[in-house]
């Protein structure tokens, strides 16, 4: 009987390591499956009806509500027609520009200037931001200046730019650069500051140093902050250009949206003023929807933070 008990005990003891090993293997397999499920981004294309209901209908209803309130204020004669034109009067002004064939020319004058100025600011602000973020001496010397320039209203640069460069496109681009470059550089600096040190150490271990490390490690990791800086840089570019066109209007510069707004003021044309404001707003919204929103969604999707497409 003692021999039998000893044999059973030995058998149970011998079977325990195998059972434990199998249990650990199952746990590891389950953990790997869970991690794979977390890493995989479930992207699905939303039905057209869902897109219309959730993304198209709300802004349309908001616009309809604003126009309705606007028309109600006009009907109630809250302000006289010379100060608050009706939506119909603004629409008539838009129709006149369309029939005269000047609408797209005005839009293109301003949009092309803003986009080219933004691209120049991007080319200057990106390496400047990397330099400030990665070199301590440069950050100490230039960092506060960039923050100060970002808080300085862009309209302040119009007067000296006119005196330095004259009434030409170079003056417009100078004002855009002075408004947009600090925002882009500071956005990139903020993004680099949020990069985990482990990423940098891993990059150095793999030989990604200098420009290679900046391109393959720093920039991808800092992309969310950099993208926020780009959006703000575009906003500053657009606002800077509008300020320059309003203040430094000249026939030699062509007719842009800023000049259109200033012409409305000079001619006491309130429908024209409201039309210029609406067009300036629509261009800003369109650039955000067509350029920056898709970029933002792509970044979030690659990082597993966007589960619906």
Protein backbone atom coordinates (compact mmCIF):
# COMPACT_ATOMS: atom_id res chain seq x y z
CA UNK A 1 0.00 0.00 0.00
CA UNK A 2 2.88 2.39 0.87
CA UNK A 3 4.50 1.59 -2.46
CA UNK A 4 1.27 2.37 -4.29
CA UNK A 5 0.85 5.75 -2.53
CA UNK A 6 4.45 6.68 -3.27
CA UNK A 7 3.98 5.86 -6.95
CA UNK A 8 0.81 7.99 -7.19
CA UNK A 9 2.47 10.89 -5.46
CA UNK A 10 5.46 10.67 -7.79
CA UNK A 11 3.16 10.57 -10.82
CA UNK A 12 1.18 13.64 -9.66
CA UNK A 13 4.36 15.53 -8.91
CA UNK A 14 5.81 14.68 -12.30
CA UNK A 15 2.63 15.85 -14.04
CA UNK A 16 2.53 19.24 -12.34
CA UNK A 17 5.31 20.97 -14.38
CA UNK A 18 3.70 19.94 -17.64
CA UNK A 19 0.34 21.24 -16.55
CA UNK A 20 1.87 24.53 -15.38
CA UNK A 21 3.78 24.91 -18.65
CA UNK A 22 0.62 24.31 -20.67
CA UNK A 23 -1.25 26.85 -18.55
CA UNK A 24 1.45 29.47 -19.09
CA UNK A 25 1.42 28.80 -22.82
CA UNK A 26 -2.34 29.29 -22.90
CA UNK A 27 -2.01 32.53 -20.94
CA UNK A 28 0.67 33.82 -23.32
CA UNK A 29 -1.43 32.88 -26.32
CA UNK A 30 -4.41 34.70 -24.85
CA UNK A 31 -2.26 37.75 -24.07
CA UNK A 32 -0.86 37.82 -27.60
CA UNK A 33 -4.36 37.53 -29.05
CA UNK A 34 -5.51 40.43 -26.87
CA UNK A 35 -2.57 42.58 -27.92
CA UNK A 36 -3.20 41.75 -31.56
CA UNK A 37 -6.83 42.79 -31.12
CA UNK A 38 -5.75 46.07 -29.58
CA UNK A 39 -3.20 46.76 -32.31
CA UNK A 40 -5.56 45.98 -35.17
CA UNK A 41 -7.68 48.97 -36.12
CA UNK A 42 -11.18 48.00 -37.10
CA UNK A 43 -11.83 50.33 -40.01
CA UNK A 44 -15.17 50.21 -41.69
CA UNK A 45 -16.69 52.43 -44.30
CA UNK A 46 -19.75 54.15 -42.91
CA UNK A 47 -22.95 53.91 -44.99
CA UNK A 48 -23.91 56.94 -47.00
CA UNK A 49 -27.03 57.48 -44.89
CA UNK A 50 -24.99 57.48 -41.69
CA UNK A 51 -22.54 59.99 -43.14
CA UNK A 52 -25.39 62.26 -44.21
CA UNK A 53 -27.10 62.07 -40.82
CA UNK A 54 -24.04 62.49 -38.62
CA UNK A 55 -21.66 64.65 -40.65
CA UNK A 56 -23.64 66.55 -43.27
CA UNK A 57 -26.99 67.23 -41.66
CA UNK A 58 -25.78 68.92 -38.41
CA UNK A 59 -23.73 71.68 -40.11
CA UNK A 60 -26.48 72.22 -42.69
CA UNK A 61 -29.04 72.64 -39.91
CA UNK A 62 -26.69 75.03 -38.10
CA UNK A 63 -26.34 77.18 -41.22
CA UNK A 64 -30.12 77.17 -41.76
CA UNK A 65 -30.63 78.22 -38.13
CA UNK A 66 -28.13 81.08 -38.42
CA UNK A 67 -29.76 82.34 -41.62
CA UNK A 68 -33.21 82.06 -40.04
CA UNK A 69 -32.14 84.07 -37.00
CA UNK A 70 -30.46 86.59 -39.28
CA UNK A 71 -33.62 87.00 -41.33
CA UNK A 72 -35.71 87.29 -38.16
CA UNK A 73 -33.51 90.14 -36.90
CA UNK A 74 -33.93 91.90 -40.24
CA UNK A 75 -37.71 91.38 -40.19
CA UNK A 76 -37.96 92.72 -36.64
CA UNK A 77 -35.88 95.72 -37.75
CA UNK A 78 -33.45 95.32 -34.87
CA UNK A 79 -31.07 97.48 -36.92
CA UNK A 80 -31.75 99.52 -40.03
CA UNK A 81 -30.98 98.00 -43.42
CA UNK A 82 -27.89 100.13 -43.85
CA UNK A 83 -26.26 98.35 -40.90
CA UNK A 84 -27.74 94.86 -41.15
CA UNK A 85 -28.48 93.74 -44.71
CA UNK A 86 -30.85 90.88 -45.34
CA UNK A 87 -29.61 87.44 -46.48
CA UNK A 88 -31.33 88.12 -49.79
CA UNK A 89 -29.29 91.29 -50.33
CA UNK A 90 -26.06 89.41 -49.66
CA UNK A 91 -27.17 86.67 -52.05
CA UNK A 92 -27.87 89.30 -54.73
CA UNK A 93 -24.34 90.65 -54.24
CA UNK A 94 -22.93 87.15 -54.69
CA UNK A 95 -25.05 86.60 -57.81
CA UNK A 96 -23.81 89.88 -59.29
CA UNK A 97 -20.17 88.85 -58.79
CA UNK A 98 -20.92 85.46 -60.32
CA UNK A 99 -22.54 87.00 -63.40
CA UNK A 100 -19.70 89.48 -63.79
CA UNK A 101 -17.18 86.63 -63.65
CA UNK A 102 -15.12 88.16 -60.82
CA UNK A 103 -15.91 85.73 -57.99
CA UNK A 104 -13.36 83.02 -58.74
CA UNK A 105 -10.67 85.54 -59.61
CA UNK A 106 -11.04 87.20 -56.20
CA UNK A 107 -11.03 83.86 -54.41
CA UNK A 108 -7.99 82.60 -56.32
CA UNK A 109 -5.99 85.77 -55.65
CA UNK A 110 -6.28 85.33 -51.90
CA UNK A 111 -6.19 81.53 -51.71
CA UNK A 112 -3.11 81.21 -53.93
CA UNK A 113 -1.25 83.81 -51.88
CA UNK A 114 -2.20 82.13 -48.61
CA UNK A 115 -1.25 78.62 -49.76
CA UNK A 116 2.10 79.70 -51.20
CA UNK A 117 2.87 81.72 -48.09
CA UNK A 118 1.92 78.75 -45.91
CA UNK A 119 4.20 76.43 -47.87
CA UNK A 120 7.08 78.88 -47.44
CA UNK A 121 6.32 79.09 -43.72
CA UNK A 122 6.26 75.28 -43.58
CA UNK A 123 9.68 75.07 -45.24
CA UNK A 124 11.14 77.57 -42.76
CA UNK A 125 9.24 76.66 -39.59
CA UNK A 126 9.88 72.89 -39.70
CA UNK A 127 13.71 72.93 -39.57
CA UNK A 128 13.59 75.89 -37.19
CA UNK A 129 11.31 73.96 -34.84
CA UNK A 130 13.55 70.89 -34.94
CA UNK A 131 16.59 73.03 -34.23
CA UNK A 132 14.93 74.74 -31.27
CA UNK A 133 13.61 71.45 -29.91
CA UNK A 134 16.88 69.51 -30.15
CA UNK A 135 19.56 72.11 -29.38
CA UNK A 136 19.39 73.53 -25.87
CA UNK A 137 21.37 76.69 -26.58
CA UNK A 138 19.16 77.56 -29.54
CA UNK A 139 16.03 76.96 -27.46
CA UNK A 140 17.30 79.25 -24.73
CA UNK A 141 18.11 81.97 -27.26
CA UNK A 142 15.21 81.72 -29.71
CA UNK A 143 12.40 79.93 -27.85
CA UNK A 144 11.07 82.99 -25.98
CA UNK A 145 11.29 85.08 -29.16
CA UNK A 146 9.17 82.55 -31.06
CA UNK A 147 6.57 82.56 -28.29
CA UNK A 148 6.50 86.35 -28.32
CA UNK A 149 6.15 86.50 -32.10
CA UNK A 150 3.29 84.01 -31.96
CA UNK A 151 1.37 86.25 -29.57
CA UNK A 152 2.06 89.39 -31.61
CA UNK A 153 -0.87 90.37 -33.86
CA UNK A 154 0.04 89.91 -37.52
CA UNK A 155 -1.46 93.27 -38.41
CA UNK A 156 1.46 94.90 -36.59
CA UNK A 157 3.82 93.71 -39.34
CA UNK A 158 1.89 95.26 -42.22
CA UNK A 159 3.20 98.82 -41.80
CA UNK A 160 6.92 97.93 -41.61
CA UNK A 161 6.54 95.37 -44.40
CA UNK A 162 5.09 98.05 -46.69
CA UNK A 163 7.96 100.41 -45.86
CA UNK A 164 10.56 97.69 -46.35
CA UNK A 165 9.23 95.98 -49.48
CA UNK A 166 6.59 98.29 -50.96
CA UNK A 167 3.08 97.48 -52.13
CA UNK A 168 3.68 94.13 -53.82
CA UNK A 169 3.26 90.40 -53.28
CA UNK A 170 6.60 90.17 -51.45
CA UNK A 171 5.13 92.33 -48.71
CA UNK A 172 2.14 89.97 -48.46
CA UNK A 173 4.36 86.90 -48.15
CA UNK A 174 6.55 88.60 -45.53
CA UNK A 175 3.51 89.28 -43.35
CA UNK A 176 2.32 85.68 -43.79
CA UNK A 177 5.74 84.29 -42.83
CA UNK A 178 6.02 86.45 -39.74
CA UNK A 179 2.59 85.26 -38.64
CA UNK A 180 2.83 81.55 -39.50
CA UNK A 181 6.45 80.49 -38.92
CA UNK A 182 6.36 80.89 -35.10
CA UNK A 183 3.17 78.82 -34.85
CA UNK A 184 4.55 75.98 -36.95
CA UNK A 185 7.89 75.97 -35.11
CA UNK A 186 6.27 76.07 -31.67
CA UNK A 187 3.86 73.29 -32.62
CA UNK A 188 6.76 71.07 -33.63
CA UNK A 189 8.69 71.95 -30.45
CA UNK A 190 5.65 70.95 -28.36
CA UNK A 191 5.35 67.69 -30.29
CA UNK A 192 9.04 66.83 -29.85
CA UNK A 193 8.85 67.57 -26.12
CA UNK A 194 6.12 64.92 -25.83
CA UNK A 195 8.17 62.16 -27.52
CA UNK A 196 8.94 59.42 -24.94
CA UNK A 197 12.70 59.24 -24.21
CA UNK A 198 12.51 55.47 -24.76
CA UNK A 199 11.83 56.09 -28.46
CA UNK A 200 14.94 58.24 -28.76
CA UNK A 201 17.12 55.70 -26.95
CA UNK A 202 15.78 52.90 -29.13
CA UNK A 203 16.49 54.96 -32.24
CA UNK A 204 20.06 55.65 -31.14
CA UNK A 205 20.56 51.95 -30.42
CA UNK A 206 19.44 51.15 -33.97
CA UNK A 207 21.73 53.80 -35.41
CA UNK A 208 19.08 56.45 -36.11
CA UNK A 209 20.97 59.57 -35.08
CA UNK A 210 21.24 63.07 -36.52
CA UNK A 211 19.04 63.74 -39.52
CA UNK A 212 18.15 60.07 -39.82
CA UNK A 213 16.89 60.02 -36.25
CA UNK A 214 14.96 63.25 -36.77
CA UNK A 215 13.27 61.87 -39.89
CA UNK A 216 12.54 58.30 -38.75
CA UNK A 217 12.05 58.73 -34.98
CA UNK A 218 11.41 62.30 -33.88
CA UNK A 219 9.11 63.52 -36.64
CA UNK A 220 6.74 60.50 -36.67
CA UNK A 221 6.51 60.50 -32.87
CA UNK A 222 5.92 64.28 -32.76
CA UNK A 223 3.35 64.19 -35.55
CA UNK A 224 0.22 65.03 -33.48
CA UNK A 225 1.78 68.19 -32.02
CA UNK A 226 3.28 69.09 -35.37
CA UNK A 227 -0.08 68.72 -37.08
CA UNK A 228 -1.68 70.99 -34.48
CA UNK A 229 1.04 73.53 -35.22
CA UNK A 230 0.33 73.26 -38.94
CA UNK A 231 -3.37 73.94 -38.40
CA UNK A 232 -2.56 76.95 -36.28
CA UNK A 233 0.05 78.05 -38.81
CA UNK A 234 -2.55 77.98 -41.58
CA UNK A 235 -4.95 80.00 -39.45
CA UNK A 236 -2.25 82.61 -38.85
CA UNK A 237 -1.37 82.62 -42.56
CA UNK A 238 -4.97 83.29 -43.55
CA UNK A 239 -5.50 85.95 -40.89
CA UNK A 240 -2.19 87.65 -41.71
CA UNK A 241 -3.03 87.79 -45.38
CA UNK A 242 -6.48 89.25 -44.73
CA UNK A 243 -4.94 91.97 -42.52
CA UNK A 244 -2.36 92.78 -45.19
CA UNK A 245 -4.95 92.93 -47.99
CA UNK A 246 -7.26 95.18 -45.96
CA UNK A 247 -4.58 97.67 -44.91
CA UNK A 248 -2.31 97.63 -47.95
CA UNK A 249 -4.90 97.56 -50.73
CA UNK A 250 -3.69 98.74 -54.12
CA UNK A 251 -4.77 98.19 -57.75
CA UNK A 252 -1.30 96.76 -58.43
CA UNK A 253 -1.95 93.95 -55.94
CA UNK A 254 -5.10 92.70 -57.61
CA UNK A 255 -8.45 92.23 -55.93
CA UNK A 256 -8.54 89.70 -53.10
CA UNK A 257 -11.01 89.03 -50.34
CA UNK A 258 -9.36 91.53 -48.02
CA UNK A 259 -9.54 94.25 -50.67
CA UNK A 260 -13.15 93.27 -51.35
CA UNK A 261 -13.96 93.85 -47.68
CA UNK A 262 -12.17 97.19 -47.65
CA UNK A 263 -13.90 98.28 -50.87
CA UNK A 264 -17.24 97.51 -49.25
CA UNK A 265 -16.35 99.73 -46.31
CA UNK A 266 -15.23 102.58 -48.56
CA UNK A 267 -18.42 102.35 -50.63
CA UNK A 268 -20.77 101.87 -47.62
CA UNK A 269 -21.80 98.57 -49.21
CA UNK A 270 -22.99 96.44 -46.29
CA UNK A 271 -24.10 93.46 -48.44
CA UNK A 272 -20.63 93.46 -50.00
CA UNK A 273 -19.01 93.59 -46.56
CA UNK A 274 -21.09 90.67 -45.29
CA UNK A 275 -20.38 88.73 -48.47
CA UNK A 276 -16.61 89.23 -48.05
CA UNK A 277 -16.79 88.07 -44.43
CA UNK A 278 -18.76 84.97 -45.39
CA UNK A 279 -16.34 84.10 -48.19
CA UNK A 280 -13.34 84.51 -45.87
CA UNK A 281 -15.02 82.18 -43.39
CA UNK A 282 -15.93 79.61 -46.05
CA UNK A 283 -12.37 79.44 -47.38
CA UNK A 284 -11.03 78.79 -43.89
CA UNK A 285 -13.59 76.05 -43.27
CA UNK A 286 -12.99 74.49 -46.70
CA UNK A 287 -9.21 74.27 -46.20
CA UNK A 288 -9.70 72.65 -42.81
CA UNK A 289 -12.20 70.09 -44.15
CA UNK A 290 -10.28 69.27 -47.34
CA UNK A 291 -6.71 69.30 -46.01
CA UNK A 292 -6.25 69.16 -42.27
CA UNK A 293 -9.19 66.98 -41.22
CA UNK A 294 -8.17 64.09 -43.54
CA UNK A 295 -4.57 64.38 -42.30
CA UNK A 296 -5.73 64.29 -38.70
CA UNK A 297 -7.94 61.25 -39.32
CA UNK A 298 -5.07 59.46 -41.06
CA UNK A 299 -2.73 60.09 -38.12
CA UNK A 300 -5.33 58.91 -35.60
CA UNK A 301 -6.11 55.82 -37.69
CA UNK A 302 -2.44 54.83 -37.94
CA UNK A 303 -2.11 55.16 -34.17
CA UNK A 304 -5.18 53.02 -33.51
CA UNK A 305 -7.20 55.92 -32.12
CA UNK A 306 -9.85 56.00 -34.84
CA UNK A 307 -12.00 52.91 -35.14
CA UNK A 308 -14.57 54.13 -37.63
CA UNK A 309 -13.82 55.15 -41.19
